Amino acid sequence: MTKAERVILIQGDADKWFDQAIFIVKPNTPSGTVPKNLVVEAEQIIANYLTKNNRPLPPGLPPTHRAYASTTPMHARATKKRAAKGANLLLNVLMVLACLALAGVFIYGMLL
């Protein structure tokens, strides 16, 4: 694949919210694996990039791509995961303590 074949330039329509999108295809990509609808692919990539970098999505973006792009910033997702891990650890510790307390009550009852 030559360098000229690797660069794909997409012109946006007059009703699209972008003028141009440039794709640079990887050199080892077989020719039949490039997506047929590159405009949709470009809109999805741009929507994901903007959301990951906490930038507002353009108003002309189709609703399907708004749903495709994550609305939660990366740092907020990481904070939620950490909070969930902490809550799981707390619940596991409490469950172990409850089992130990139940075993203690059972053993104490056997000794009486």
PDB file of N, CA and C in Angstrom:
ATOM      1  N   MET A   1       0.858  -1.179   0.000  1.00  0.00           N
ATOM      2  CA  MET A   1       0.000   0.000   0.000  1.00  0.00           C
ATOM      3  C   MET A   1       0.898   1.235   0.000  1.00  0.00           C
ATOM      4  N   THR A   2       0.739   2.097  -0.981  1.00  0.00           N
ATOM      5  CA  THR A   2       1.560   3.300  -1.074  1.00  0.00           C
ATOM      6  C   THR A   2       1.028   4.358  -0.112  1.00  0.00           C
ATOM      7  N   LYS A   3       1.818   5.396   0.096  1.00  0.00           N
ATOM      8  CA  LYS A   3       1.400   6.465   1.012  1.00  0.00           C
ATOM      9  C   LYS A   3       0.143   7.157   0.510  1.00  0.00           C
ATOM     10  N   ALA A   4       0.006   7.298  -0.805  1.00  0.00           N
ATOM     11  CA  ALA A   4      -1.183   7.956  -1.364  1.00  0.00           C
ATOM     12  C   ALA A   4      -2.435   7.119  -1.115  1.00  0.00           C
ATOM     13  N   GLU A   5      -2.311   5.802  -1.138  1.00  0.00           N
ATOM     14  CA  GLU A   5      -3.456   4.927  -0.892  1.00  0.00           C
ATOM     15  C   GLU A   5      -3.828   4.899   0.590  1.00  0.00           C
ATOM     16  N   ARG A   6      -2.913   5.217   1.449  1.00  0.00           N
ATOM     17  CA  ARG A   6      -3.169   5.158   2.889  1.00  0.00           C
ATOM     18  C   ARG A   6      -3.984   6.333   3.395  1.00  0.00           C
ATOM     19  N   VAL A   7      -3.987   7.458   2.699  1.00  0.00           N
ATOM     20  CA  VAL A   7      -4.692   8.657   3.151  1.00  0.00           C
ATOM     21  C   VAL A   7      -6.058   8.721   2.487  1.00  0.00           C
ATOM     22  N   ILE A   8      -7.117   8.806   3.323  1.00  0.00           N
ATOM     23  CA  ILE A   8      -8.480   8.933   2.812  1.00  0.00           C
ATOM     24  C   ILE A   8      -9.018  10.260   3.313  1.00  0.00           C
ATOM     25  N   LEU A   9      -9.418  11.125   2.403  1.00  0.00           N
ATOM     26  CA  LEU A   9      -9.957  12.435   2.743  1.00  0.00           C
ATOM     27  C   LEU A   9     -11.460  12.422   2.484  1.00  0.00           C
ATOM     28  N   ILE A  10     -12.241  12.745   3.507  1.00  0.00           N
ATOM     29  CA  ILE A  10     -13.693  12.758   3.391  1.00  0.00           C
ATOM     30  C   ILE A  10     -14.158  14.202   3.463  1.00  0.00           C
ATOM     31  N   GLN A  11     -14.903  14.621   2.467  1.00  0.00           N
ATOM     32  CA  GLN A  11     -15.477  15.969   2.462  1.00  0.00           C
ATOM     33  C   GLN A  11     -16.855  15.904   3.124  1.00  0.00           C
ATOM     34  N   GLY A  12     -17.108  16.796   4.071  1.00  0.00           N
ATOM     35  CA  GLY A  12     -18.414  16.852   4.701  1.00  0.00           C
ATOM     36  C   GLY A  12     -19.430  17.516   3.787  1.00  0.00           C
ATOM     37  N   ASP A  13     -20.664  17.055   3.842  1.00  0.00           N
ATOM     38  CA  ASP A  13     -21.731  17.684   3.057  1.00  0.00           C
ATOM     39  C   ASP A  13     -22.024  19.070   3.622  1.00  0.00           C
ATOM     40  N   ALA A  14     -22.834  19.823   2.906  1.00  0.00           N
ATOM     41  CA  ALA A  14     -23.193  21.161   3.370  1.00  0.00           C
ATOM     42  C   ALA A  14     -23.985  21.104   4.676  1.00  0.00           C
ATOM     43  N   ASP A  15     -24.759  20.031   4.871  1.00  0.00           N
ATOM     44  CA  ASP A  15     -25.556  19.919   6.100  1.00  0.00           C
ATOM     45  C   ASP A  15     -24.791  19.255   7.240  1.00  0.00           C
ATOM     46  N   LYS A  16     -23.587  18.749   6.974  1.00  0.00           N
ATOM     47  CA  LYS A  16     -22.779  18.140   8.041  1.00  0.00           C
ATOM     48  C   LYS A  16     -22.117  19.230   8.881  1.00  0.00           C
ATOM     49  N   TRP A  17     -21.737  18.901  10.083  1.00  0.00           N
ATOM     50  CA  TRP A  17     -21.135  19.874  10.980  1.00  0.00           C
ATOM     51  C   TRP A  17     -19.615  19.897  10.875  1.00  0.00           C
ATOM     52  N   PHE A  18     -19.021  19.078   9.987  1.00  0.00           N
ATOM     53  CA  PHE A  18     -17.576  19.139   9.782  1.00  0.00           C
ATOM     54  C   PHE A  18     -17.285  19.360   8.305  1.00  0.00           C
ATOM     55  N   ASP A  19     -16.137  19.987   8.010  1.00  0.00           N
ATOM     56  CA  ASP A  19     -15.749  20.248   6.626  1.00  0.00           C
ATOM     57  C   ASP A  19     -15.026  19.052   6.014  1.00  0.00           C
ATOM     58  N   GLN A  20     -14.009  18.547   6.754  1.00  0.00           N
ATOM     59  CA  GLN A  20     -13.218  17.435   6.249  1.00  0.00           C
ATOM     60  C   GLN A  20     -12.859  16.500   7.392  1.00  0.00           C
ATOM     61  N   ALA A  21     -12.696  15.247   7.053  1.00  0.00           N
ATOM     62  CA  ALA A  21     -12.153  14.250   7.976  1.00  0.00           C
ATOM     63  C   ALA A  21     -11.065  13.499   7.224  1.00  0.00           C
ATOM     64  N   ILE A  22      -9.948  13.297   7.881  1.00  0.00           N
ATOM     65  CA  ILE A  22      -8.825  12.617   7.239  1.00  0.00           C
ATOM     66  C   ILE A  22      -8.569  11.311   7.973  1.00  0.00           C
ATOM     67  N   PHE A  23      -8.560  10.206   7.249  1.00  0.00           N
ATOM     68  CA  PHE A  23      -8.199   8.905   7.797  1.00  0.00           C
ATOM     69  C   PHE A  23      -6.857   8.511   7.215  1.00  0.00           C
ATOM     70  N   ILE A  24      -5.974   8.040   8.065  1.00  0.00           N
ATOM     71  CA  ILE A  24      -4.707   7.477   7.601  1.00  0.00           C
ATOM     72  C   ILE A  24      -4.762   5.995   7.965  1.00  0.00           C
ATOM     73  N   VAL A  25      -4.867   5.166   6.955  1.00  0.00           N
ATOM     74  CA  VAL A  25      -5.042   3.727   7.140  1.00  0.00           C
ATOM     75  C   VAL A  25      -3.698   3.104   7.500  1.00  0.00           C
ATOM     76  N   LYS A  26      -3.726   2.153   8.428  1.00  0.00           N
ATOM     77  CA  LYS A  26      -2.505   1.452   8.820  1.00  0.00           C
ATOM     78  C   LYS A  26      -1.925   0.714   7.610  1.00  0.00           C
ATOM     79  N   PRO A  27      -0.589   0.646   7.512  1.00  0.00           N
ATOM     80  CA  PRO A  27       0.019   0.049   6.314  1.00  0.00           C
ATOM     81  C   PRO A  27      -0.310  -1.434   6.131  1.00  0.00           C
ATOM     82  N   ASN A  28      -0.532  -2.169   7.201  1.00  0.00           N
ATOM     83  CA  ASN A  28      -0.759  -3.608   7.079  1.00  0.00           C
ATOM     84  C   ASN A  28      -2.251  -3.960   6.991  1.00  0.00           C
ATOM     85  N   THR A  29      -3.118  -2.969   6.740  1.00  0.00           N
ATOM     86  CA  THR A  29      -4.559  -3.206   6.649  1.00  0.00           C
ATOM     87  C   THR A  29      -4.915  -3.757   5.276  1.00  0.00           C
ATOM     88  N   PRO A  30      -5.603  -4.907   5.233  1.00  0.00           N
ATOM     89  CA  PRO A  30      -6.055  -5.408   3.921  1.00  0.00           C
ATOM     90  C   PRO A  30      -7.062  -4.440   3.305  1.00  0.00           C
ATOM     91  N   SER A  31      -7.111  -4.364   2.002  1.00  0.00           N
ATOM     92  CA  SER A  31      -7.929  -3.354   1.327  1.00  0.00           C
ATOM     93  C   SER A  31      -9.421  -3.542   1.567  1.00  0.00           C
ATOM     94  N   GLY A  32      -9.898  -4.731   1.836  1.00  0.00           N
ATOM     95  CA  GLY A  32     -11.328  -4.955   2.016  1.00  0.00           C
ATOM     96  C   GLY A  32     -11.828  -4.677   3.420  1.00  0.00           C
ATOM     97  N   THR A  33     -10.964  -4.334   4.375  1.00  0.00           N
ATOM     98  CA  THR A  33     -11.397  -4.170   5.765  1.00  0.00           C
ATOM     99  C   THR A  33     -11.705  -2.731   6.147  1.00  0.00           C
ATOM    100  N   VAL A  34     -11.519  -1.779   5.256  1.00  0.00           N
ATOM    101  CA  VAL A  34     -11.845  -0.384   5.552  1.00  0.00           C
ATOM    102  C   VAL A  34     -13.369  -0.255   5.558  1.00  0.00           C
ATOM    103  N   PRO A  35     -13.973   0.362   6.604  1.00  0.00           N
ATOM    104  CA  PRO A  35     -15.439   0.474   6.658  1.00  0.00           C
ATOM    105  C   PRO A  35     -15.991   1.196   5.442  1.00  0.00           C
ATOM    106  N   LYS A  36     -17.162   0.749   4.997  1.00  0.00           N
ATOM    107  CA  LYS A  36     -17.770   1.332   3.794  1.00  0.00           C
ATOM    108  C   LYS A  36     -18.292   2.742   4.058  1.00  0.00           C
ATOM    109  N   ASN A  37     -18.895   2.988   5.201  1.00  0.00           N
ATOM    110  CA  ASN A  37     -19.442   4.308   5.489  1.00  0.00           C
ATOM    111  C   ASN A  37     -18.484   5.056   6.414  1.00  0.00           C
ATOM    112  N   LEU A  38     -17.503   5.685   5.834  1.00  0.00           N
ATOM    113  CA  LEU A  38     -16.479   6.376   6.619  1.00  0.00           C
ATOM    114  C   LEU A  38     -17.000   7.648   7.270  1.00  0.00           C
ATOM    115  N   VAL A  39     -18.081   8.233   6.761  1.00  0.00           N
ATOM    116  CA  VAL A  39     -18.647   9.437   7.374  1.00  0.00           C
ATOM    117  C   VAL A  39     -19.179   9.093   8.767  1.00  0.00           C
ATOM    118  N   VAL A  40     -19.904   7.978   8.871  1.00  0.00           N
ATOM    119  CA  VAL A  40     -20.429   7.548  10.172  1.00  0.00           C
ATOM    120  C   VAL A  40     -19.275   7.214  11.111  1.00  0.00           C
ATOM    121  N   GLU A  41     -18.272   6.541  10.586  1.00  0.00           N
ATOM    122  CA  GLU A  41     -17.091   6.200  11.385  1.00  0.00           C
ATOM    123  C   GLU A  41     -16.402   7.468  11.894  1.00  0.00           C
ATOM    124  N   ALA A  42     -16.272   8.474  11.037  1.00  0.00           N
ATOM    125  CA  ALA A  42     -15.639   9.733  11.437  1.00  0.00           C
ATOM    126  C   ALA A  42     -16.448  10.419  12.530  1.00  0.00           C
ATOM    127  N   GLU A  43     -17.777  10.440  12.401  1.00  0.00           N
ATOM    128  CA  GLU A  43     -18.619  11.069  13.420  1.00  0.00           C
ATOM    129  C   GLU A  43     -18.503  10.363  14.757  1.00  0.00           C
ATOM    130  N   GLN A  44     -18.417   9.027  14.745  1.00  0.00           N
ATOM    131  CA  GLN A  44     -18.274   8.279  15.991  1.00  0.00           C
ATOM    132  C   GLN A  44     -16.920   8.554  16.647  1.00  0.00           C
ATOM    133  N   ILE A  45     -15.873   8.581  15.852  1.00  0.00           N
ATOM    134  CA  ILE A  45     -14.530   8.839  16.393  1.00  0.00           C
ATOM    135  C   ILE A  45     -14.454  10.243  16.985  1.00  0.00           C
ATOM    136  N   ILE A  46     -14.997  11.217  16.281  1.00  0.00           N
ATOM    137  CA  ILE A  46     -14.971  12.604  16.763  1.00  0.00           C
ATOM    138  C   ILE A  46     -15.791  12.737  18.041  1.00  0.00           C
ATOM    139  N   ALA A  47     -16.972  12.107  18.079  1.00  0.00           N
ATOM    140  CA  ALA A  47     -17.822  12.179  19.273  1.00  0.00           C
ATOM    141  C   ALA A  47     -17.115  11.563  20.467  1.00  0.00           C
ATOM    142  N   ASN A  48     -16.449  10.427  20.276  1.00  0.00           N
ATOM    143  CA  ASN A  48     -15.712   9.801  21.384  1.00  0.00           C
ATOM    144  C   ASN A  48     -14.548  10.669  21.837  1.00  0.00           C
ATOM    145  N   TYR A  49     -13.826  11.243  20.888  1.00  0.00           N
ATOM    146  CA  TYR A  49     -12.685  12.092  21.237  1.00  0.00           C
ATOM    147  C   TYR A  49     -13.137  13.299  22.060  1.00  0.00           C
ATOM    148  N   LEU A  50     -14.216  13.940  21.611  1.00  0.00           N
ATOM    149  CA  LEU A  50     -14.698  15.123  22.321  1.00  0.00           C
ATOM    150  C   LEU A  50     -15.173  14.781  23.728  1.00  0.00           C
ATOM    151  N   THR A  51     -15.857  13.648  23.882  1.00  0.00           N
ATOM    152  CA  THR A  51     -16.367  13.296  25.213  1.00  0.00           C
ATOM    153  C   THR A  51     -15.232  12.904  26.149  1.00  0.00           C
ATOM    154  N   LYS A  52     -14.244  12.181  25.641  1.00  0.00           N
ATOM    155  CA  LYS A  52     -13.129  11.765  26.499  1.00  0.00           C
ATOM    156  C   LYS A  52     -12.308  12.966  26.968  1.00  0.00           C
ATOM    157  N   ASN A  53     -12.299  14.032  26.185  1.00  0.00           N
ATOM    158  CA  ASN A  53     -11.525  15.221  26.534  1.00  0.00           C
ATOM    159  C   ASN A  53     -12.394  16.325  27.133  1.00  0.00           C
ATOM    160  N   ASN A  54     -13.578  15.952  27.610  1.00  0.00           N
ATOM    161  CA  ASN A  54     -14.497  16.876  28.291  1.00  0.00           C
ATOM    162  C   ASN A  54     -14.803  18.118  27.464  1.00  0.00           C
ATOM    163  N   ARG A  55     -15.021  17.928  26.175  1.00  0.00           N
ATOM    164  CA  ARG A  55     -15.379  19.035  25.300  1.00  0.00           C
ATOM    165  C   ARG A  55     -16.820  18.836  24.854  1.00  0.00           C
ATOM    166  N   PRO A  56     -17.556  19.921  24.648  1.00  0.00           N
ATOM    167  CA  PRO A  56     -18.967  19.783  24.262  1.00  0.00           C
ATOM    168  C   PRO A  56     -19.120  19.186  22.863  1.00  0.00           C
ATOM    169  N   LEU A  57     -20.152  18.379  22.713  1.00  0.00           N
ATOM    170  CA  LEU A  57     -20.446  17.801  21.407  1.00  0.00           C
ATOM    171  C   LEU A  57     -21.129  18.855  20.539  1.00  0.00           C
ATOM    172  N   PRO A  58     -20.848  18.874  19.252  1.00  0.00           N
ATOM    173  CA  PRO A  58     -21.478  19.864  18.382  1.00  0.00           C
ATOM    174  C   PRO A  58     -22.980  19.612  18.272  1.00  0.00           C
ATOM    175  N   PRO A  59     -23.772  20.671  18.116  1.00  0.00           N
ATOM    176  CA  PRO A  59     -25.224  20.511  18.074  1.00  0.00           C
ATOM    177  C   PRO A  59     -25.719  19.736  16.862  1.00  0.00           C
ATOM    178  N   GLY A  60     -24.984  19.677  15.779  1.00  0.00           N
ATOM    179  CA  GLY A  60     -25.434  18.970  14.588  1.00  0.00           C
ATOM    180  C   GLY A  60     -25.153  17.481  14.593  1.00  0.00           C
ATOM    181  N   LEU A  61     -24.595  16.966  15.680  1.00  0.00           N
ATOM    182  CA  LEU A  61     -24.250  15.547  15.744  1.00  0.00           C
ATOM    183  C   LEU A  61     -25.520  14.709  15.826  1.00  0.00           C
ATOM    184  N   PRO A  62     -25.657  13.693  14.966  1.00  0.00           N
ATOM    185  CA  PRO A  62     -26.871  12.869  15.007  1.00  0.00           C
ATOM    186  C   PRO A  62     -27.065  12.216  16.378  1.00  0.00           C
ATOM    187  N   PRO A  63     -28.322  11.990  16.794  1.00  0.00           N
ATOM    188  CA  PRO A  63     -28.593  11.419  18.119  1.00  0.00           C
ATOM    189  C   PRO A  63     -27.958  10.052  18.317  1.00  0.00           C
ATOM    190  N   THR A  64     -27.791   9.273  17.262  1.00  0.00           N
ATOM    191  CA  THR A  64     -27.194   7.947  17.416  1.00  0.00           C
ATOM    192  C   THR A  64     -25.752   8.060  17.879  1.00  0.00           C
ATOM    193  N   HIS A  65     -25.043   9.085  17.402  1.00  0.00           N
ATOM    194  CA  HIS A  65     -23.655   9.245  17.814  1.00  0.00           C
ATOM    195  C   HIS A  65     -23.560   9.852  19.206  1.00  0.00           C
ATOM    196  N   ARG A  66     -24.550  10.615  19.603  1.00  0.00           N
ATOM    197  CA  ARG A  66     -24.562  11.129  20.970  1.00  0.00           C
ATOM    198  C   ARG A  66     -24.718   9.971  21.952  1.00  0.00           C
ATOM    199  N   ALA A  67     -25.526   8.979  21.578  1.00  0.00           N
ATOM    200  CA  ALA A  67     -25.692   7.818  22.445  1.00  0.00           C
ATOM    201  C   ALA A  67     -24.437   6.963  22.423  1.00  0.00           C
ATOM    202  N   TYR A  68     -23.748   6.924  21.283  1.00  0.00           N
ATOM    203  CA  TYR A  68     -22.533   6.114  21.145  1.00  0.00           C
ATOM    204  C   TYR A  68     -21.415   6.669  22.019  1.00  0.00           C
ATOM    205  N   ALA A  69     -21.324   7.988  22.083  1.00  0.00           N
ATOM    206  CA  ALA A  69     -20.274   8.618  22.882  1.00  0.00           C
ATOM    207  C   ALA A  69     -20.663   8.557  24.351  1.00  0.00           C
ATOM    208  N   SER A  70     -19.707   8.269  25.183  1.00  0.00           N
ATOM    209  CA  SER A  70     -19.964   8.190  26.619  1.00  0.00           C
ATOM    210  C   SER A  70     -20.191   9.595  27.169  1.00  0.00           C
ATOM    211  N   THR A  71     -21.183   9.734  28.040  1.00  0.00           N
ATOM    212  CA  THR A  71     -21.461  11.051  28.605  1.00  0.00           C
ATOM    213  C   THR A  71     -20.716  11.273  29.910  1.00  0.00           C
ATOM    214  N   THR A  72     -20.092  10.244  30.459  1.00  0.00           N
ATOM    215  CA  THR A  72     -19.359  10.370  31.710  1.00  0.00           C
ATOM    216  C   THR A  72     -17.874  10.542  31.411  1.00  0.00           C
ATOM    217  N   PRO A  73     -17.239  11.609  31.918  1.00  0.00           N
ATOM    218  CA  PRO A  73     -15.807  11.785  31.696  1.00  0.00           C
ATOM    219  C   PRO A  73     -15.001  10.635  32.313  1.00  0.00           C
ATOM    220  N   MET A  74     -13.806  10.418  31.779  1.00  0.00           N
ATOM    221  CA  MET A  74     -12.971   9.296  32.213  1.00  0.00           C
ATOM    222  C   MET A  74     -12.667   9.353  33.709  1.00  0.00           C
ATOM    223  N   HIS A  75     -12.318  10.533  34.249  1.00  0.00           N
ATOM    224  CA  HIS A  75     -11.950  10.616  35.658  1.00  0.00           C
ATOM    225  C   HIS A  75     -13.150  10.324  36.560  1.00  0.00           C
ATOM    226  N   ALA A  76     -14.356  10.673  36.111  1.00  0.00           N
ATOM    227  CA  ALA A  76     -15.550  10.394  36.917  1.00  0.00           C
ATOM    228  C   ALA A  76     -15.820   8.896  36.950  1.00  0.00           C
ATOM    229  N   ARG A  77     -15.588   8.206  35.814  1.00  0.00           N
ATOM    230  CA  ARG A  77     -15.778   6.749  35.795  1.00  0.00           C
ATOM    231  C   ARG A  77     -14.781   6.071  36.715  1.00  0.00           C
ATOM    232  N   ALA A  78     -13.526   6.548  36.729  1.00  0.00           N
ATOM    233  CA  ALA A  78     -12.510   5.957  37.598  1.00  0.00           C
ATOM    234  C   ALA A  78     -12.879   6.169  39.063  1.00  0.00           C
ATOM    235  N   THR A  79     -13.418   7.336  39.405  1.00  0.00           N
ATOM    236  CA  THR A  79     -13.825   7.620  40.776  1.00  0.00           C
ATOM    237  C   THR A  79     -14.969   6.701  41.189  1.00  0.00           C
ATOM    238  N   LYS A  80     -15.918   6.470  40.294  1.00  0.00           N
ATOM    239  CA  LYS A  80     -17.032   5.569  40.594  1.00  0.00           C
ATOM    240  C   LYS A  80     -16.542   4.150  40.816  1.00  0.00           C
ATOM    241  N   LYS A  81     -15.574   3.713  40.014  1.00  0.00           N
ATOM    242  CA  LYS A  81     -15.033   2.361  40.168  1.00  0.00           C
ATOM    243  C   LYS A  81     -14.333   2.223  41.521  1.00  0.00           C
ATOM    244  N   ARG A  82     -13.558   3.248  41.893  1.00  0.00           N
ATOM    245  CA  ARG A  82     -12.877   3.202  43.193  1.00  0.00           C
ATOM    246  C   ARG A  82     -13.875   3.154  44.338  1.00  0.00           C
ATOM    247  N   ALA A  83     -14.944   3.940  44.234  1.00  0.00           N
ATOM    248  CA  ALA A  83     -15.967   3.956  45.276  1.00  0.00           C
ATOM    249  C   ALA A  83     -16.654   2.606  45.366  1.00  0.00           C
ATOM    250  N   ALA A  84     -16.912   1.985  44.226  1.00  0.00           N
ATOM    251  CA  ALA A  84     -17.555   0.671  44.219  1.00  0.00           C
ATOM    252  C   ALA A  84     -16.637  -0.377  44.844  1.00  0.00           C
ATOM    253  N   LYS A  85     -15.336  -0.299  44.565  1.00  0.00           N
ATOM    254  CA  LYS A  85     -14.394  -1.245  45.163  1.00  0.00           C
ATOM    255  C   LYS A  85     -14.349  -1.078  46.673  1.00  0.00           C
ATOM    256  N   GLY A  86     -14.374   0.173  47.135  1.00  0.00           N
ATOM    257  CA  GLY A  86     -14.364   0.426  48.582  1.00  0.00           C
ATOM    258  C   GLY A  86     -15.623  -0.104  49.251  1.00  0.00           C
ATOM    259  N   ALA A  87     -16.761   0.073  48.608  1.00  0.00           N
ATOM    260  CA  ALA A  87     -18.017  -0.424  49.164  1.00  0.00           C
ATOM    261  C   ALA A  87     -18.025  -1.945  49.189  1.00  0.00           C
ATOM    262  N   ASN A  88     -17.507  -2.583  48.153  1.00  0.00           N
ATOM    263  CA  ASN A  88     -17.434  -4.045  48.133  1.00  0.00           C
ATOM    264  C   ASN A  88     -16.520  -4.572  49.227  1.00  0.00           C
ATOM    265  N   LEU A  89     -15.391  -3.908  49.443  1.00  0.00           N
ATOM    266  CA  LEU A  89     -14.472  -4.328  50.498  1.00  0.00           C
ATOM    267  C   LEU A  89     -15.134  -4.210  51.864  1.00  0.00           C
ATOM    268  N   LEU A  90     -15.828  -3.104  52.093  1.00  0.00           N
ATOM    269  CA  LEU A  90     -16.518  -2.911  53.369  1.00  0.00           C
ATOM    270  C   LEU A  90     -17.571  -3.993  53.593  1.00  0.00           C
ATOM    271  N   LEU A  91     -18.355  -4.293  52.573  1.00  0.00           N
ATOM    272  CA  LEU A  91     -19.375  -5.336  52.709  1.00  0.00           C
ATOM    273  C   LEU A  91     -18.754  -6.706  52.965  1.00  0.00           C
ATOM    274  N   ASN A  92     -17.650  -7.008  52.304  1.00  0.00           N
ATOM    275  CA  ASN A  92     -16.978  -8.286  52.522  1.00  0.00           C
ATOM    276  C   ASN A  92     -16.445  -8.392  53.946  1.00  0.00           C
ATOM    277  N   VAL A  93     -15.859  -7.330  54.461  1.00  0.00           N
ATOM    278  CA  VAL A  93     -15.340  -7.339  55.834  1.00  0.00           C
ATOM    279  C   VAL A  93     -16.483  -7.521  56.825  1.00  0.00           C
ATOM    280  N   LEU A  94     -17.589  -6.807  56.611  1.00  0.00           N
ATOM    281  CA  LEU A  94     -18.738  -6.944  57.506  1.00  0.00           C
ATOM    282  C   LEU A  94     -19.328  -8.352  57.461  1.00  0.00           C
ATOM    283  N   MET A  95     -19.338  -8.973  56.280  1.00  0.00           N
ATOM    284  CA  MET A  95     -19.855 -10.328  56.167  1.00  0.00           C
ATOM    285  C   MET A  95     -18.965 -11.320  56.913  1.00  0.00           C
ATOM    286  N   VAL A  96     -17.654 -11.157  56.819  1.00  0.00           N
ATOM    287  CA  VAL A  96     -16.728 -12.033  57.545  1.00  0.00           C
ATOM    288  C   VAL A  96     -16.905 -11.847  59.053  1.00  0.00           C
ATOM    289  N   LEU A  97     -17.039 -10.603  59.512  1.00  0.00           N
ATOM    290  CA  LEU A  97     -17.245 -10.352  60.942  1.00  0.00           C
ATOM    291  C   LEU A  97     -18.560 -10.953  61.428  1.00  0.00           C
ATOM    292  N   ALA A  98     -19.597 -10.876  60.607  1.00  0.00           N
ATOM    293  CA  ALA A  98     -20.890 -11.456  60.987  1.00  0.00           C
ATOM    294  C   ALA A  98     -20.779 -12.974  61.084  1.00  0.00           C
ATOM    295  N   CYS A  99     -20.051 -13.597  60.163  1.00  0.00           N
ATOM    296  CA  CYS A  99     -19.848 -15.053  60.231  1.00  0.00           C
ATOM    297  C   CYS A  99     -19.066 -15.442  61.472  1.00  0.00           C
ATOM    298  N   LEU A 100     -18.029 -14.674  61.799  1.00  0.00           N
ATOM    299  CA  LEU A 100     -17.248 -14.952  63.010  1.00  0.00           C
ATOM    300  C   LEU A 100     -18.102 -14.790  64.266  1.00  0.00           C
ATOM    301  N   ALA A 101     -18.935 -13.765  64.284  1.00  0.00           N
ATOM    302  CA  ALA A 101     -19.807 -13.555  65.437  1.00  0.00           C
ATOM    303  C   ALA A 101     -20.808 -14.697  65.561  1.00  0.00           C
ATOM    304  N   LEU A 102     -21.366 -15.155  64.469  1.00  0.00           N
ATOM    305  CA  LEU A 102     -22.308 -16.270  64.486  1.00  0.00           C
ATOM    306  C   LEU A 102     -21.621 -17.547  64.947  1.00  0.00           C
ATOM    307  N   ALA A 103     -20.396 -17.771  64.483  1.00  0.00           N
ATOM    308  CA  ALA A 103     -19.645 -18.953  64.918  1.00  0.00           C
ATOM    309  C   ALA A 103     -19.340 -18.862  66.407  1.00  0.00           C
ATOM    310  N   GLY A 104     -19.014 -17.659  66.878  1.00  0.00           N
ATOM    311  CA  GLY A 104     -18.744 -17.476  68.311  1.00  0.00           C
ATOM    312  C   GLY A 104     -19.980 -17.761  69.150  1.00  0.00           C
ATOM    313  N   VAL A 105     -21.131 -17.296  68.714  1.00  0.00           N
ATOM    314  CA  VAL A 105     -22.381 -17.557  69.440  1.00  0.00           C
ATOM    315  C   VAL A 105     -22.684 -19.045  69.443  1.00  0.00           C
ATOM    316  N   PHE A 106     -22.447 -19.712  68.305  1.00  0.00           N
ATOM    317  CA  PHE A 106     -22.693 -21.151  68.216  1.00  0.00           C
ATOM    318  C   PHE A 106     -21.773 -21.918  69.159  1.00  0.00           C
ATOM    319  N   ILE A 107     -20.483 -21.578  69.181  1.00  0.00           N
ATOM    320  CA  ILE A 107     -19.524 -22.253  70.049  1.00  0.00           C
ATOM    321  C   ILE A 107     -19.847 -21.966  71.505  1.00  0.00           C
ATOM    322  N   TYR A 108     -20.195 -20.727  71.819  1.00  0.00           N
ATOM    323  CA  TYR A 108     -20.541 -20.371  73.206  1.00  0.00           C
ATOM    324  C   TYR A 108     -21.776 -21.149  73.642  1.00  0.00           C
ATOM    325  N   GLY A 109     -22.744 -21.325  72.769  1.00  0.00           N
ATOM    326  CA  GLY A 109     -23.939 -22.102  73.088  1.00  0.00           C
ATOM    327  C   GLY A 109     -23.625 -23.562  73.318  1.00  0.00           C
ATOM    328  N   MET A 110     -22.645 -24.112  72.617  1.00  0.00           N
ATOM    329  CA  MET A 110     -22.257 -25.508  72.784  1.00  0.00           C
ATOM    330  C   MET A 110     -21.573 -25.723  74.135  1.00  0.00           C
ATOM    331  N   LEU A 111     -20.870 -24.710  74.618  1.00  0.00           N
ATOM    332  CA  LEU A 111     -20.141 -24.842  75.880  1.00  0.00           C
ATOM    333  C   LEU A 111     -21.064 -24.767  77.083  1.00  0.00           C
ATOM    334  N   LEU A 112     -22.234 -24.171  76.963  1.00  0.00           N
ATOM    335  CA  LEU A 112     -23.151 -24.059  78.097  1.00  0.00           C
ATOM    336  C   LEU A 112     -23.848 -25.303  78.383  1.00  0.00           C
TER     337      LEU A 112
END
